[in-house]
Amino acid sequence: MQFRRRFEAGEFTCLVQIDPPKGTDVSTMVDGAMGVKGIADAFIVPEMANAVMRMSSLGASVVLRNNGVDAVMQVSCRDRNRLALQGDLLAAAACGINAMMVVTGEDPSFGDHHTAKAVYDVDLGTLLKGISSMEKGRDMAGVELSGAPDFLKGATLNTCLRGADREVELDRMKEMVDAGVKFFITQPLFEFSMTQPFFKTADNYGAKIIPTVLLLKSLGMARYMARNVNYVNMPDAIVHRVLKASDKVRECTRMARETIEAVKKEGFAGVNVSTLGWEHKLPEVLGVMDGLKG
């Protein structure tokens, strides 16, 4: 409940992306979350990110809730038809999950089960409209519900697009706000020069943007992203800074902390921190949050 309360109060919020386990052992996930309990407001739980099979977002979110930390459940169009999606949403609400991320989901060909068949029974807009109907007390078939869910809804946003692609993303953003989305999580950002049109649109439409701060792990990772990841703008200065550092991991951690401070200074609603499995580094990265909340 903490994330939604702070978000709706206009306070600077801290989210952390944490992957469910690929198996039944939740100890690593839970330990990572407990290490920053009270600093992170909630944990975004992906729904089989990159189409890699893991514990469901619903299951992992309930595990986190049972351990006393807030979870933002991700809901994907890829894997379930409208019956199963609505069933999961009702279960989530009944388990006390009150915030979610709605995503399309990557094609299974990108993941570890290449022959899996994607469902995509509903697209993102249809799912958001269905959730809105459920919140008003009726399912997607118009049948009355015995108790309605109530969610704070988020979606993803790519702020590194240019030209016509940027205009399409801005239009998509407006459509999602009309469908009830209140916050947008960006791709990893290392600087903010391209976010202004999106920031302005969000402000005009009463939504908020939460940038993702990614903890780099190595010079190789920085170079790879600069050369191969089209949706991330990796400044040369970042690569050079890691290159020159004698302790590259420490320098990457320092840069993540500095970027979190910059997110606050730029006036964003909060920050989403991703460590890609390095949850043991979260206390060090999020140590900067003590002076930013409020």
Protein backbone atom coordinates (compact mmCIF):
# COMPACT_ATOMS: atom_id res chain seq x y z
CA MET A 1 0.00 0.00 0.00
CA GLN A 2 2.95 2.32 0.63
CA PHE A 3 3.73 3.04 -3.03
CA ARG A 4 0.17 4.00 -3.95
CA ARG A 5 -0.25 6.16 -0.88
CA ARG A 6 2.98 8.08 -1.50
CA PHE A 7 2.38 8.34 -5.24
CA GLU A 8 -1.12 9.74 -4.85
CA ALA A 9 0.17 12.16 -2.21
CA GLY A 10 2.66 13.55 -4.74
CA GLU A 11 5.71 12.30 -2.84
CA PHE A 12 8.91 11.09 -4.53
CA THR A 13 8.65 7.31 -4.73
CA CYS A 14 11.21 4.54 -5.07
CA LEU A 15 10.43 1.38 -7.01
CA VAL A 16 12.76 -1.58 -7.52
CA GLN A 17 12.43 -4.16 -10.24
CA ILE A 18 12.94 -7.65 -8.89
CA ASP A 19 12.65 -10.88 -10.89
CA PRO A 20 10.65 -13.86 -9.63
CA PRO A 21 12.68 -17.07 -9.31
CA LYS A 22 12.96 -19.67 -12.03
CA GLY A 23 11.82 -22.34 -9.62
CA THR A 24 10.16 -22.55 -6.22
CA ASP A 25 13.01 -21.17 -4.10
CA VAL A 26 11.97 -17.58 -3.34
CA SER A 27 14.75 -16.92 -0.83
CA THR A 28 16.95 -14.82 -3.14
CA MET A 29 14.01 -12.65 -4.20
CA VAL A 30 12.77 -12.21 -0.64
CA ASP A 31 16.25 -11.51 0.77
CA GLY A 32 16.84 -8.89 -1.92
CA ALA A 33 13.58 -7.17 -1.08
CA MET A 34 14.06 -7.35 2.68
CA GLY A 35 17.50 -5.80 2.34
CA VAL A 36 15.90 -2.49 1.29
CA LYS A 37 12.57 -2.77 3.10
CA GLY A 38 11.57 0.70 4.24
CA ILE A 39 13.72 2.34 1.55
CA ALA A 40 11.97 0.98 -1.55
CA ASP A 41 8.26 1.78 -1.59
CA ALA A 42 7.41 -1.25 -3.73
CA PHE A 43 8.87 -3.89 -6.01
CA ILE A 44 7.85 -4.20 -9.65
CA VAL A 45 7.49 -7.91 -10.38
CA PRO A 46 7.85 -8.67 -14.12
CA GLU A 47 5.65 -11.24 -15.81
CA MET A 48 8.24 -13.53 -17.44
CA ALA A 49 10.37 -10.68 -18.81
CA ASN A 50 11.94 -11.36 -22.22
CA ALA A 51 9.59 -14.36 -22.48
CA VAL A 52 11.77 -16.37 -20.09
CA MET A 53 9.71 -18.78 -17.98
CA ARG A 54 9.68 -17.90 -14.28
CA MET A 55 7.25 -17.89 -11.38
CA SER A 56 4.23 -15.79 -12.28
CA SER A 57 4.11 -12.15 -11.29
CA LEU A 58 0.94 -12.83 -9.30
CA GLY A 59 2.55 -15.61 -7.28
CA ALA A 60 5.76 -13.69 -6.61
CA SER A 61 3.81 -10.55 -5.70
CA VAL A 62 1.79 -12.48 -3.13
CA VAL A 63 5.03 -13.92 -1.69
CA LEU A 64 6.41 -10.40 -1.29
CA ARG A 65 3.17 -9.14 0.26
CA ASN A 66 3.27 -12.04 2.73
CA ASN A 67 6.75 -10.87 3.73
CA GLY A 68 5.53 -7.37 4.47
CA VAL A 69 6.68 -5.50 1.36
CA ASP A 70 4.59 -3.83 -1.32
CA ALA A 71 4.44 -5.25 -4.85
CA VAL A 72 3.47 -3.82 -8.24
CA MET A 73 2.24 -6.77 -10.27
CA GLN A 74 2.93 -6.83 -14.00
CA VAL A 75 0.12 -8.08 -16.24
CA SER A 76 1.01 -9.22 -19.76
CA CYS A 77 -1.23 -9.70 -22.79
CA ARG A 78 1.11 -12.38 -24.14
CA ASP A 79 0.32 -15.47 -22.07
CA ARG A 80 -3.35 -15.48 -21.09
CA ASN A 81 -6.76 -15.01 -22.65
CA ARG A 82 -9.28 -12.57 -21.21
CA LEU A 83 -10.74 -15.20 -18.88
CA ALA A 84 -7.40 -15.95 -17.22
CA LEU A 85 -6.33 -12.30 -17.15
CA GLN A 86 -9.49 -11.26 -15.32
CA GLY A 87 -9.17 -14.17 -12.93
CA ASP A 88 -5.61 -13.10 -12.06
CA LEU A 89 -6.71 -9.51 -11.57
CA LEU A 90 -9.46 -10.52 -9.16
CA ALA A 91 -7.06 -12.76 -7.27
CA ALA A 92 -4.49 -9.96 -7.03
CA ALA A 93 -7.04 -7.52 -5.65
CA ALA A 94 -8.27 -10.07 -3.12
CA CYS A 95 -4.66 -10.60 -1.98
CA GLY A 96 -4.17 -6.88 -1.33
CA ILE A 97 -2.25 -5.93 -4.47
CA ASN A 98 -3.43 -2.48 -5.49
CA ALA A 99 -0.92 -1.38 -8.16
CA MET A 100 -0.03 -2.94 -11.48
CA MET A 101 1.94 -2.54 -14.67
CA VAL A 102 0.11 -3.46 -17.87
CA VAL A 103 2.38 -4.59 -20.73
CA THR A 104 2.08 -6.28 -24.11
CA GLY A 105 4.87 -8.79 -23.44
CA GLU A 106 7.76 -9.87 -25.65
CA ASP A 107 7.23 -12.55 -28.31
CA PRO A 108 8.11 -16.07 -27.06
CA SER A 109 10.76 -16.36 -29.77
CA PHE A 110 12.95 -14.10 -27.64
CA GLY A 111 12.77 -16.39 -24.62
CA ASP A 112 13.68 -19.89 -23.52
CA HIS A 113 10.57 -21.67 -24.84
CA HIS A 114 10.80 -20.85 -28.53
CA THR A 115 7.92 -23.10 -29.57
CA ALA A 116 5.46 -21.59 -27.08
CA LYS A 117 2.42 -20.01 -28.67
CA ALA A 118 1.63 -16.41 -27.73
CA VAL A 119 -1.98 -15.73 -26.82
CA TYR A 120 -2.56 -11.98 -27.30
CA ASP A 121 -6.31 -12.48 -26.98
CA VAL A 122 -6.52 -8.80 -26.06
CA ASP A 123 -4.24 -5.89 -26.86
CA LEU A 124 -3.08 -3.34 -24.32
CA GLY A 125 -5.93 -0.90 -24.94
CA THR A 126 -8.57 -3.60 -24.68
CA LEU A 127 -7.07 -4.92 -21.47
CA LEU A 128 -7.01 -1.45 -19.92
CA LYS A 129 -10.65 -0.90 -20.90
CA GLY A 130 -11.49 -4.29 -19.40
CA ILE A 131 -9.81 -3.37 -16.13
CA SER A 132 -11.75 -0.10 -16.08
CA SER A 133 -14.98 -2.06 -16.54
CA MET A 134 -14.03 -4.41 -13.70
CA GLU A 135 -13.34 -1.45 -11.44
CA LYS A 136 -16.88 -0.28 -12.18
CA GLY A 137 -18.24 -3.66 -11.13
CA ARG A 138 -18.61 -5.61 -14.38
CA ASP A 139 -16.33 -8.05 -16.18
CA MET A 140 -15.35 -7.84 -19.85
CA ALA A 141 -18.54 -9.67 -20.82
CA GLY A 142 -20.67 -7.17 -18.89
CA VAL A 143 -21.51 -9.57 -16.08
CA GLU A 144 -21.80 -8.03 -12.61
CA LEU A 145 -18.97 -8.78 -10.16
CA SER A 146 -19.32 -9.60 -6.51
CA GLY A 147 -16.84 -6.99 -5.34
CA ALA A 148 -14.79 -4.79 -7.66
CA PRO A 149 -10.99 -4.35 -7.78
CA ASP A 150 -9.31 -0.95 -7.56
CA PHE A 151 -5.84 -0.55 -9.07
CA LEU A 152 -3.28 2.18 -9.59
CA LYS A 153 -2.29 1.43 -13.18
CA GLY A 154 1.04 1.92 -14.92
CA ALA A 155 2.57 1.17 -18.32
CA THR A 156 5.93 1.35 -20.06
CA LEU A 157 7.24 4.25 -22.13
CA ASN A 158 10.11 4.64 -24.61
CA THR A 159 11.43 8.21 -24.48
CA CYS A 160 14.38 7.61 -26.84
CA LEU A 161 12.32 7.58 -30.03
CA ARG A 162 12.73 10.26 -32.66
CA GLY A 163 10.66 11.84 -35.41
CA ALA A 164 7.46 10.05 -36.41
CA ASP A 165 8.11 7.22 -33.94
CA ARG A 166 8.16 9.73 -31.10
CA GLU A 167 4.82 11.17 -32.21
CA VAL A 168 3.32 7.68 -32.30
CA GLU A 169 4.58 7.03 -28.76
CA LEU A 170 3.17 10.34 -27.54
CA ASP A 171 -0.22 9.49 -29.07
CA ARG A 172 -0.04 6.03 -27.50
CA MET A 173 0.74 7.65 -24.17
CA LYS A 174 -2.35 9.89 -24.41
CA GLU A 175 -4.55 6.90 -25.26
CA MET A 176 -3.28 4.98 -22.23
CA VAL A 177 -3.91 7.94 -19.93
CA ASP A 178 -7.47 8.10 -21.27
CA ALA A 179 -7.74 4.39 -20.43
CA GLY A 180 -6.74 4.99 -16.81
CA VAL A 181 -2.92 4.78 -16.72
CA LYS A 182 -1.51 7.08 -14.03
CA PHE A 183 2.22 6.42 -14.26
CA PHE A 184 4.74 5.42 -16.90
CA ILE A 185 7.99 3.53 -16.34
CA THR A 186 10.68 4.43 -18.87
CA GLN A 187 13.44 2.36 -20.39
CA PRO A 188 16.82 2.76 -18.62
CA LEU A 189 17.87 6.42 -18.72
CA PHE A 190 21.39 7.76 -18.32
CA GLU A 191 20.51 11.35 -19.22
CA PHE A 192 17.22 13.19 -19.72
CA SER A 193 17.52 15.37 -22.83
CA MET A 194 14.91 13.40 -24.78
CA THR A 195 12.29 13.14 -22.03
CA GLN A 196 10.93 16.70 -22.16
CA PRO A 197 8.09 16.11 -24.70
CA PHE A 198 6.91 13.13 -22.66
CA PHE A 199 7.25 14.96 -19.36
CA LYS A 200 5.13 17.81 -20.75
CA THR A 201 2.48 15.44 -22.12
CA ALA A 202 2.27 13.55 -18.83
CA ASP A 203 1.89 16.80 -16.91
CA ASN A 204 -0.83 18.04 -19.27
CA TYR A 205 -2.82 14.83 -18.91
CA GLY A 206 -2.43 14.31 -15.18
CA ALA A 207 -0.04 11.34 -15.37
CA LYS A 208 3.50 10.94 -14.05
CA ILE A 209 6.76 9.55 -15.41
CA ILE A 210 9.07 7.35 -13.37
CA PRO A 211 12.49 6.84 -15.04
CA THR A 212 14.38 3.58 -14.76
CA VAL A 213 17.91 3.78 -13.37
CA LEU A 214 19.92 0.74 -14.42
CA LEU A 215 22.97 -0.39 -12.45
CA LEU A 216 25.69 -1.13 -15.00
CA LYS A 217 27.82 -4.14 -14.12
CA SER A 218 30.88 -3.73 -16.32
CA LEU A 219 32.55 -1.84 -19.15
CA GLY A 220 31.43 -4.59 -21.51
CA MET A 221 27.81 -4.06 -20.54
CA ALA A 222 28.06 -0.30 -21.12
CA ARG A 223 29.70 -0.82 -24.51
CA TYR A 224 27.17 -3.44 -25.56
CA MET A 225 24.23 -1.19 -24.70
CA ALA A 226 25.81 1.75 -26.54
CA ARG A 227 26.27 -0.32 -29.69
CA ASN A 228 23.32 -2.70 -29.73
CA VAL A 229 20.37 -1.52 -27.62
CA ASN A 230 18.37 0.89 -29.75
CA TYR A 231 15.89 1.90 -27.06
CA VAL A 232 18.62 3.17 -24.70
CA ASN A 233 20.62 6.35 -25.20
CA MET A 234 24.06 5.58 -23.75
CA PRO A 235 26.23 8.73 -23.68
CA ASP A 236 29.89 8.31 -24.63
CA ALA A 237 30.80 10.02 -21.36
CA ILE A 238 29.30 7.11 -19.40
CA VAL A 239 31.35 4.54 -21.31
CA HIS A 240 34.53 6.61 -20.90
CA ARG A 241 33.90 7.05 -17.20
CA VAL A 242 33.63 3.29 -16.65
CA LEU A 243 36.68 2.74 -18.88
CA LYS A 244 38.87 5.04 -16.78
CA ALA A 245 37.72 3.76 -13.39
CA SER A 246 40.13 1.55 -11.45
CA ASP A 247 37.21 -0.09 -9.62
CA LYS A 248 34.56 -0.36 -12.31
CA VAL A 249 31.82 -1.88 -10.14
CA ARG A 250 32.21 0.85 -7.54
CA GLU A 251 32.09 3.49 -10.28
CA CYS A 252 28.94 1.98 -11.77
CA THR A 253 27.33 2.02 -8.33
CA ARG A 254 28.33 5.66 -7.86
CA MET A 255 26.83 6.56 -11.25
CA ALA A 256 23.55 4.86 -10.36
CA ARG A 257 23.35 6.85 -7.14
CA GLU A 258 24.09 10.09 -9.01
CA THR A 259 21.43 9.30 -11.61
CA ILE A 260 18.84 8.71 -8.88
CA GLU A 261 19.69 12.15 -7.48
CA ALA A 262 19.35 13.63 -10.98
CA VAL A 263 15.92 12.03 -11.40
CA LYS A 264 14.74 13.80 -8.26
CA LYS A 265 16.31 17.10 -9.34
CA GLU A 266 14.61 16.91 -12.76
CA GLY A 267 11.21 16.82 -11.05
CA PHE A 268 10.10 13.28 -11.89
CA ALA A 269 7.54 11.54 -9.67
CA GLY A 270 9.93 8.82 -8.59
CA VAL A 271 12.57 6.36 -9.68
CA ASN A 272 12.59 2.71 -10.70
CA VAL A 273 15.88 0.94 -9.96
CA SER A 274 16.97 -2.16 -11.86
CA THR A 275 20.02 -4.21 -10.88
CA LEU A 276 19.43 -7.22 -13.18
CA GLY A 277 20.07 -9.81 -10.49
CA TRP A 278 22.50 -7.79 -8.37
CA GLU A 279 20.02 -7.29 -5.54
CA HIS A 280 22.93 -7.49 -3.08
CA LYS A 281 23.97 -4.04 -4.38
CA LEU A 282 20.59 -2.46 -3.67
CA PRO A 283 21.40 -1.19 -0.14
CA GLU A 284 24.46 0.63 -1.49
CA VAL A 285 22.64 2.03 -4.54
CA LEU A 286 19.57 3.12 -2.56
CA GLY A 287 21.53 4.62 0.32
CA VAL A 288 21.07 7.94 -1.45
CA MET A 289 17.28 7.76 -0.97
CA ASP A 290 17.40 8.93 2.65
CA GLY A 291 17.97 12.48 1.52
CA LEU A 292 15.52 12.41 -1.40
CA LYS A 293 12.20 11.25 0.04
CA GLY A 294 9.68 13.68 1.30
